[in-house]
C-alpha atoms as a PDB file:
ATOM      1  CA  UNK A   1       9.504 -25.157  35.182  1.00  0.00           C
ATOM      2  CA  UNK A   2       6.352 -25.429  33.662  1.00  0.00           C
ATOM      3  CA  UNK A   3       5.185 -23.422  30.714  1.00  0.00           C
ATOM      4  CA  UNK A   4       1.709 -21.625  31.715  1.00  0.00           C
ATOM      5  CA  UNK A   5      -0.781 -19.934  29.602  1.00  0.00           C
ATOM      6  CA  UNK A   6      -1.746 -17.109  31.477  1.00  0.00           C
ATOM      7  CA  UNK A   7      -2.971 -14.388  28.938  1.00  0.00           C
ATOM      8  CA  UNK A   8      -5.507 -16.392  27.094  1.00  0.00           C
ATOM      9  CA  UNK A   9      -6.432 -13.371  25.153  1.00  0.00           C
ATOM     10  CA  UNK A  10      -3.249 -12.710  23.889  1.00  0.00           C
ATOM     11  CA  UNK A  11      -2.035 -16.029  23.049  1.00  0.00           C
ATOM     12  CA  UNK A  12      -5.529 -16.577  20.964  1.00  0.00           C
ATOM     13  CA  UNK A  13      -5.031 -13.164  19.090  1.00  0.00           C
ATOM     14  CA  UNK A  14      -1.285 -14.413  18.246  1.00  0.00           C
ATOM     15  CA  UNK A  15      -2.325 -17.652  17.091  1.00  0.00           C
ATOM     16  CA  UNK A  16      -5.385 -16.151  15.056  1.00  0.00           C
ATOM     17  CA  UNK A  17      -2.698 -13.699  13.280  1.00  0.00           C
ATOM     18  CA  UNK A  18      -0.341 -16.628  12.688  1.00  0.00           C
ATOM     19  CA  UNK A  19      -3.204 -19.182  11.170  1.00  0.00           C
ATOM     20  CA  UNK A  20      -4.531 -16.295   9.169  1.00  0.00           C
ATOM     21  CA  UNK A  21      -0.937 -15.607   7.943  1.00  0.00           C
ATOM     22  CA  UNK A  22      -0.363 -18.705   6.577  1.00  0.00           C
ATOM     23  CA  UNK A  23      -3.934 -19.838   5.575  1.00  0.00           C
ATOM     24  CA  UNK A  24      -4.003 -16.247   3.627  1.00  0.00           C
ATOM     25  CA  UNK A  25      -1.339 -17.807   1.243  1.00  0.00           C
ATOM     26  CA  UNK A  26      -3.565 -20.868   0.177  1.00  0.00           C
ATOM     27  CA  UNK A  27      -7.140 -18.858   0.252  1.00  0.00           C
ATOM     28  CA  UNK A  28      -6.394 -15.008  -0.433  1.00  0.00           C
ATOM     29  CA  UNK A  29      -9.814 -14.948  -1.816  1.00  0.00           C
ATOM     30  CA  UNK A  30     -11.905 -16.336   0.768  1.00  0.00           C
ATOM     31  CA  UNK A  31      -9.912 -14.873   3.670  1.00  0.00           C
ATOM     32  CA  UNK A  32      -9.383 -11.383   1.872  1.00  0.00           C
ATOM     33  CA  UNK A  33     -13.169 -10.498   2.208  1.00  0.00           C
ATOM     34  CA  UNK A  34     -12.852 -10.903   6.190  1.00  0.00           C
ATOM     35  CA  UNK A  35      -9.196 -10.259   7.139  1.00  0.00           C
ATOM     36  CA  UNK A  36      -8.855  -7.030   5.074  1.00  0.00           C
ATOM     37  CA  UNK A  37     -11.095  -3.995   5.406  1.00  0.00           C
ATOM     38  CA  UNK A  38     -12.191  -2.468   2.214  1.00  0.00           C
ATOM     39  CA  UNK A  39     -12.868   1.160   2.126  1.00  0.00           C
ATOM     40  CA  UNK A  40     -15.368   0.770   0.072  1.00  0.00           C
ATOM     41  CA  UNK A  41     -18.111  -0.633   2.528  1.00  0.00           C
ATOM     42  CA  UNK A  42     -20.563  -2.282   1.029  1.00  0.00           C
ATOM     43  CA  UNK A  43     -23.822  -2.300   3.860  1.00  0.00           C
ATOM     44  CA  UNK A  44     -25.312  -5.262   2.670  1.00  0.00           C
ATOM     45  CA  UNK A  45     -22.522  -7.336   3.066  1.00  0.00           C
ATOM     46  CA  UNK A  46     -22.132  -9.726   6.181  1.00  0.00           C
ATOM     47  CA  UNK A  47     -18.248 -10.305   5.422  1.00  0.00           C
ATOM     48  CA  UNK A  48     -17.899  -6.530   5.245  1.00  0.00           C
ATOM     49  CA  UNK A  49     -19.115  -6.240   8.932  1.00  0.00           C
ATOM     50  CA  UNK A  50     -17.023  -9.036   9.734  1.00  0.00           C
ATOM     51  CA  UNK A  51     -14.024  -7.147   8.453  1.00  0.00           C
ATOM     52  CA  UNK A  52     -14.436  -4.166  10.937  1.00  0.00           C
ATOM     53  CA  UNK A  53     -12.659  -6.638  13.356  1.00  0.00           C
ATOM     54  CA  UNK A  54     -11.060  -9.129  11.255  1.00  0.00           C
ATOM     55  CA  UNK A  55      -8.800  -6.796   9.508  1.00  0.00           C
ATOM     56  CA  UNK A  56      -6.688  -6.819  12.771  1.00  0.00           C
ATOM     57  CA  UNK A  57      -5.544 -10.480  12.452  1.00  0.00           C
ATOM     58  CA  UNK A  58      -4.379  -9.964   8.530  1.00  0.00           C
ATOM     59  CA  UNK A  59      -0.721  -8.743   7.969  1.00  0.00           C
ATOM     60  CA  UNK A  60       0.607  -7.730   4.470  1.00  0.00           C
ATOM     61  CA  UNK A  61       4.143  -9.462   5.026  1.00  0.00           C
ATOM     62  CA  UNK A  62       6.443 -11.487   7.341  1.00  0.00           C
ATOM     63  CA  UNK A  63       7.992  -8.305   8.636  1.00  0.00           C
ATOM     64  CA  UNK A  64       4.504  -6.401   9.311  1.00  0.00           C
ATOM     65  CA  UNK A  65       3.095  -9.507  11.418  1.00  0.00           C
ATOM     66  CA  UNK A  66       6.410  -9.913  13.306  1.00  0.00           C
ATOM     67  CA  UNK A  67       7.083  -6.148  13.855  1.00  0.00           C
ATOM     68  CA  UNK A  68       2.786  -6.018  15.010  1.00  0.00           C
ATOM     69  CA  UNK A  69       3.363  -9.442  17.275  1.00  0.00           C
ATOM     70  CA  UNK A  70       6.697  -8.256  18.894  1.00  0.00           C
ATOM     71  CA  UNK A  71       5.345  -5.171  20.800  1.00  0.00           C
ATOM     72  CA  UNK A  72       1.770  -7.338  20.947  1.00  0.00           C
ATOM     73  CA  UNK A  73       3.309  -9.854  22.860  1.00  0.00           C
ATOM     74  CA  UNK A  74       5.534  -7.535  24.908  1.00  0.00           C
ATOM     75  CA  UNK A  75       2.307  -5.010  26.036  1.00  0.00           C
ATOM     76  CA  UNK A  76      -0.549  -7.402  25.643  1.00  0.00           C
ATOM     77  CA  UNK A  77      -0.015  -9.358  28.898  1.00  0.00           C
ATOM     78  CA  UNK A  78       0.418  -6.562  30.804  1.00  0.00           C
ATOM     79  CA  UNK A  79      -2.900  -4.421  29.746  1.00  0.00           C
ATOM     80  CA  UNK A  80      -4.636  -8.410  30.170  1.00  0.00           C
ATOM     81  CA  UNK A  81      -3.673  -8.471  33.494  1.00  0.00           C
ATOM     82  CA  UNK A  82      -4.206  -5.350  34.520  1.00  0.00           C
ATOM     83  CA  UNK A  83      -7.623  -4.707  33.086  1.00  0.00           C
ATOM     84  CA  UNK A  84      -8.909  -8.161  32.975  1.00  0.00           C
ATOM     85  CA  UNK A  85      -9.830 -10.269  29.970  1.00  0.00           C
ATOM     86  CA  UNK A  86     -13.386  -9.088  29.716  1.00  0.00           C
ATOM     87  CA  UNK A  87     -12.858  -5.313  29.484  1.00  0.00           C
ATOM     88  CA  UNK A  88      -9.348  -5.943  27.590  1.00  0.00           C
ATOM     89  CA  UNK A  89     -11.461  -8.069  24.794  1.00  0.00           C
ATOM     90  CA  UNK A  90     -13.904  -4.769  24.997  1.00  0.00           C
ATOM     91  CA  UNK A  91     -10.761  -2.418  24.284  1.00  0.00           C
ATOM     92  CA  UNK A  92      -9.695  -3.972  21.434  1.00  0.00           C
ATOM     93  CA  UNK A  93     -13.066  -4.655  20.001  1.00  0.00           C
ATOM     94  CA  UNK A  94     -13.951  -1.143  20.103  1.00  0.00           C
ATOM     95  CA  UNK A  95     -10.501   0.029  19.110  1.00  0.00           C
ATOM     96  CA  UNK A  96     -10.742  -2.060  16.068  1.00  0.00           C
ATOM     97  CA  UNK A  97     -14.270  -0.796  15.185  1.00  0.00           C
ATOM     98  CA  UNK A  98     -13.765   2.629  15.708  1.00  0.00           C
ATOM     99  CA  UNK A  99     -10.314   2.366  13.548  1.00  0.00           C
ATOM    100  CA  UNK A 100     -12.376   0.731  10.784  1.00  0.00           C
ATOM    101  CA  UNK A 101     -15.222   3.187  10.793  1.00  0.00           C
ATOM    102  CA  UNK A 102     -12.744   6.291  10.654  1.00  0.00           C
ATOM    103  CA  UNK A 103     -11.042   4.277   7.733  1.00  0.00           C
ATOM    104  CA  UNK A 104     -14.455   3.442   5.599  1.00  0.00           C
ATOM    105  CA  UNK A 105     -15.324   7.309   6.236  1.00  0.00           C
ATOM    106  CA  UNK A 106     -11.566   8.681   4.490  1.00  0.00           C
ATOM    107  CA  UNK A 107      -9.877   6.277   2.663  1.00  0.00           C
ATOM    108  CA  UNK A 108     -10.781   3.413   0.052  1.00  0.00           C
ATOM    109  CA  UNK A 109      -7.802   1.656   0.375  1.00  0.00           C
ATOM    110  CA  UNK A 110      -7.451  -1.936   2.207  1.00  0.00           C
ATOM    111  CA  UNK A 111      -6.338  -2.060   5.731  1.00  0.00           C
ATOM    112  CA  UNK A 112      -5.278  -4.615   7.737  1.00  0.00           C
ATOM    113  CA  UNK A 113      -2.961  -5.438  10.868  1.00  0.00           C
ATOM    114  CA  UNK A 114      -2.645  -5.094  14.336  1.00  0.00           C
ATOM    115  CA  UNK A 115      -0.869  -1.945  14.459  1.00  0.00           C
ATOM    116  CA  UNK A 116      -3.744   0.381  15.919  1.00  0.00           C
ATOM    117  CA  UNK A 117      -3.941  -2.179  18.801  1.00  0.00           C
ATOM    118  CA  UNK A 118      -0.397  -1.909  19.459  1.00  0.00           C
ATOM    119  CA  UNK A 119      -0.527   1.436  19.437  1.00  0.00           C
ATOM    120  CA  UNK A 120      -3.372   1.189  21.936  1.00  0.00           C
ATOM    121  CA  UNK A 121      -1.416  -0.774  24.078  1.00  0.00           C
ATOM    122  CA  UNK A 122       1.708   1.285  24.265  1.00  0.00           C
ATOM    123  CA  UNK A 123      -0.817   4.309  25.334  1.00  0.00           C
ATOM    124  CA  UNK A 124      -2.360   2.182  27.782  1.00  0.00           C
ATOM    125  CA  UNK A 125       1.239   0.975  29.259  1.00  0.00           C
ATOM    126  CA  UNK A 126       2.090   4.231  29.809  1.00  0.00           C
ATOM    127  CA  UNK A 127      -0.867   4.937  31.978  1.00  0.00           C
ATOM    128  CA  UNK A 128      -0.947   2.045  33.902  1.00  0.00           C
ATOM    129  CA  UNK A 129       0.150   3.333  37.459  1.00  0.00           C
ATOM    130  CA  UNK A 130      -1.102   7.242  36.592  1.00  0.00           C
ATOM    131  CA  UNK A 131      -3.630   8.375  39.328  1.00  0.00           C
ATOM    132  CA  UNK A 132      -6.648  10.460  38.937  1.00  0.00           C
ATOM    133  CA  UNK A 133      -4.998  13.808  39.172  1.00  0.00           C
ATOM    134  CA  UNK A 134      -1.895  12.793  37.227  1.00  0.00           C
ATOM    135  CA  UNK A 135      -0.527  12.978  33.798  1.00  0.00           C
ATOM    136  CA  UNK A 136       2.692  10.789  33.732  1.00  0.00           C
ATOM    137  CA  UNK A 137       5.610  12.428  31.974  1.00  0.00           C
ATOM    138  CA  UNK A 138       6.154   8.788  30.129  1.00  0.00           C
ATOM    139  CA  UNK A 139       2.641   9.573  28.668  1.00  0.00           C
ATOM    140  CA  UNK A 140       3.664  13.042  27.473  1.00  0.00           C
ATOM    141  CA  UNK A 141       6.921  11.760  25.939  1.00  0.00           C
ATOM    142  CA  UNK A 142       5.012   8.984  24.189  1.00  0.00           C
ATOM    143  CA  UNK A 143       2.560  11.614  22.678  1.00  0.00           C
ATOM    144  CA  UNK A 144       5.052  13.777  21.632  1.00  0.00           C
ATOM    145  CA  UNK A 145       7.289  11.146  19.987  1.00  0.00           C
ATOM    146  CA  UNK A 146       4.613   8.440  18.488  1.00  0.00           C
ATOM    147  CA  UNK A 147       1.900  10.731  17.588  1.00  0.00           C
ATOM    148  CA  UNK A 148       4.012  13.515  16.107  1.00  0.00           C
ATOM    149  CA  UNK A 149       6.117  10.999  14.138  1.00  0.00           C
ATOM    150  CA  UNK A 150       2.506   9.411  12.540  1.00  0.00           C
ATOM    151  CA  UNK A 151       1.392  12.848  12.024  1.00  0.00           C
ATOM    152  CA  UNK A 152       4.237  13.537   9.934  1.00  0.00           C
ATOM    153  CA  UNK A 153       4.849  10.103   8.786  1.00  0.00           C
ATOM    154  CA  UNK A 154       0.891  10.021   7.192  1.00  0.00           C
ATOM    155  CA  UNK A 155       1.787  12.705   4.577  1.00  0.00           C
ATOM    156  CA  UNK A 156       4.356  10.039   2.896  1.00  0.00           C
ATOM    157  CA  UNK A 157       3.167   7.115   0.356  1.00  0.00           C
ATOM    158  CA  UNK A 158       4.391   4.515   2.178  1.00  0.00           C
ATOM    159  CA  UNK A 159       1.342   2.021   2.394  1.00  0.00           C
ATOM    160  CA  UNK A 160       1.294   2.571   6.131  1.00  0.00           C
ATOM    161  CA  UNK A 161      -2.320   3.405   7.774  1.00  0.00           C
ATOM    162  CA  UNK A 162      -0.726   5.760  10.065  1.00  0.00           C
ATOM    163  CA  UNK A 163      -4.127   6.780  10.722  1.00  0.00           C
ATOM    164  CA  UNK A 164      -4.738   3.631  12.231  1.00  0.00           C
ATOM    165  CA  UNK A 165      -2.034   4.021  14.706  1.00  0.00           C
ATOM    166  CA  UNK A 166      -3.536   7.525  15.369  1.00  0.00           C
ATOM    167  CA  UNK A 167      -7.005   5.737  16.114  1.00  0.00           C
ATOM    168  CA  UNK A 168      -5.199   3.135  18.158  1.00  0.00           C
ATOM    169  CA  UNK A 169      -3.444   5.554  20.054  1.00  0.00           C
ATOM    170  CA  UNK A 170      -6.758   7.787  20.685  1.00  0.00           C
ATOM    171  CA  UNK A 171      -8.456   4.412  21.804  1.00  0.00           C
ATOM    172  CA  UNK A 172      -5.578   4.095  24.483  1.00  0.00           C
ATOM    173  CA  UNK A 173      -6.099   7.284  25.772  1.00  0.00           C
ATOM    174  CA  UNK A 174      -9.834   6.952  26.057  1.00  0.00           C
ATOM    175  CA  UNK A 175      -9.637   3.309  28.101  1.00  0.00           C
ATOM    176  CA  UNK A 176      -6.762   4.428  29.869  1.00  0.00           C
ATOM    177  CA  UNK A 177      -7.153   7.997  30.952  1.00  0.00           C
ATOM    178  CA  UNK A 178     -10.864   8.306  30.789  1.00  0.00           C
ATOM    179  CA  UNK A 179     -12.137   5.002  31.473  1.00  0.00           C
ATOM    180  CA  UNK A 180     -10.009   3.627  34.106  1.00  0.00           C
END
């Protein structure tokens, strides 16, 4: 048996999340400006623009990081193989920026984590084998369960950006169903 590194985007993002998590402990101010999306966006700040993607690498704690990476490592290689590296990177970047724009427009608190990307992957995984005129029942169940849960939880005060989850899910619908 030999170890293979077949899902390079998945492995790079995982490594960046782990590296940022460790380094954030030692350099919170320096990494915080890039790995936390500030809701008070300064159009004159280069680091604020970098944070519109960089926030996906930052995580609030070990539970947050491990929870996101658990789903990410299961789903990401499947999506990366199905769509190819270039399109998969485009999916991640556009989902991150879409989520960042929504966050900046409506909230002033910080945002960090891979959760929106994970929700995009959950949606995409239900649409992989769908044909053009079909709507998979698993897709409908995921919409019912995950989206209704996120809408319901968005009214709670739990320091979780349920809007980021919903934005990631919307990105998954866009890429999986309309941009196949």
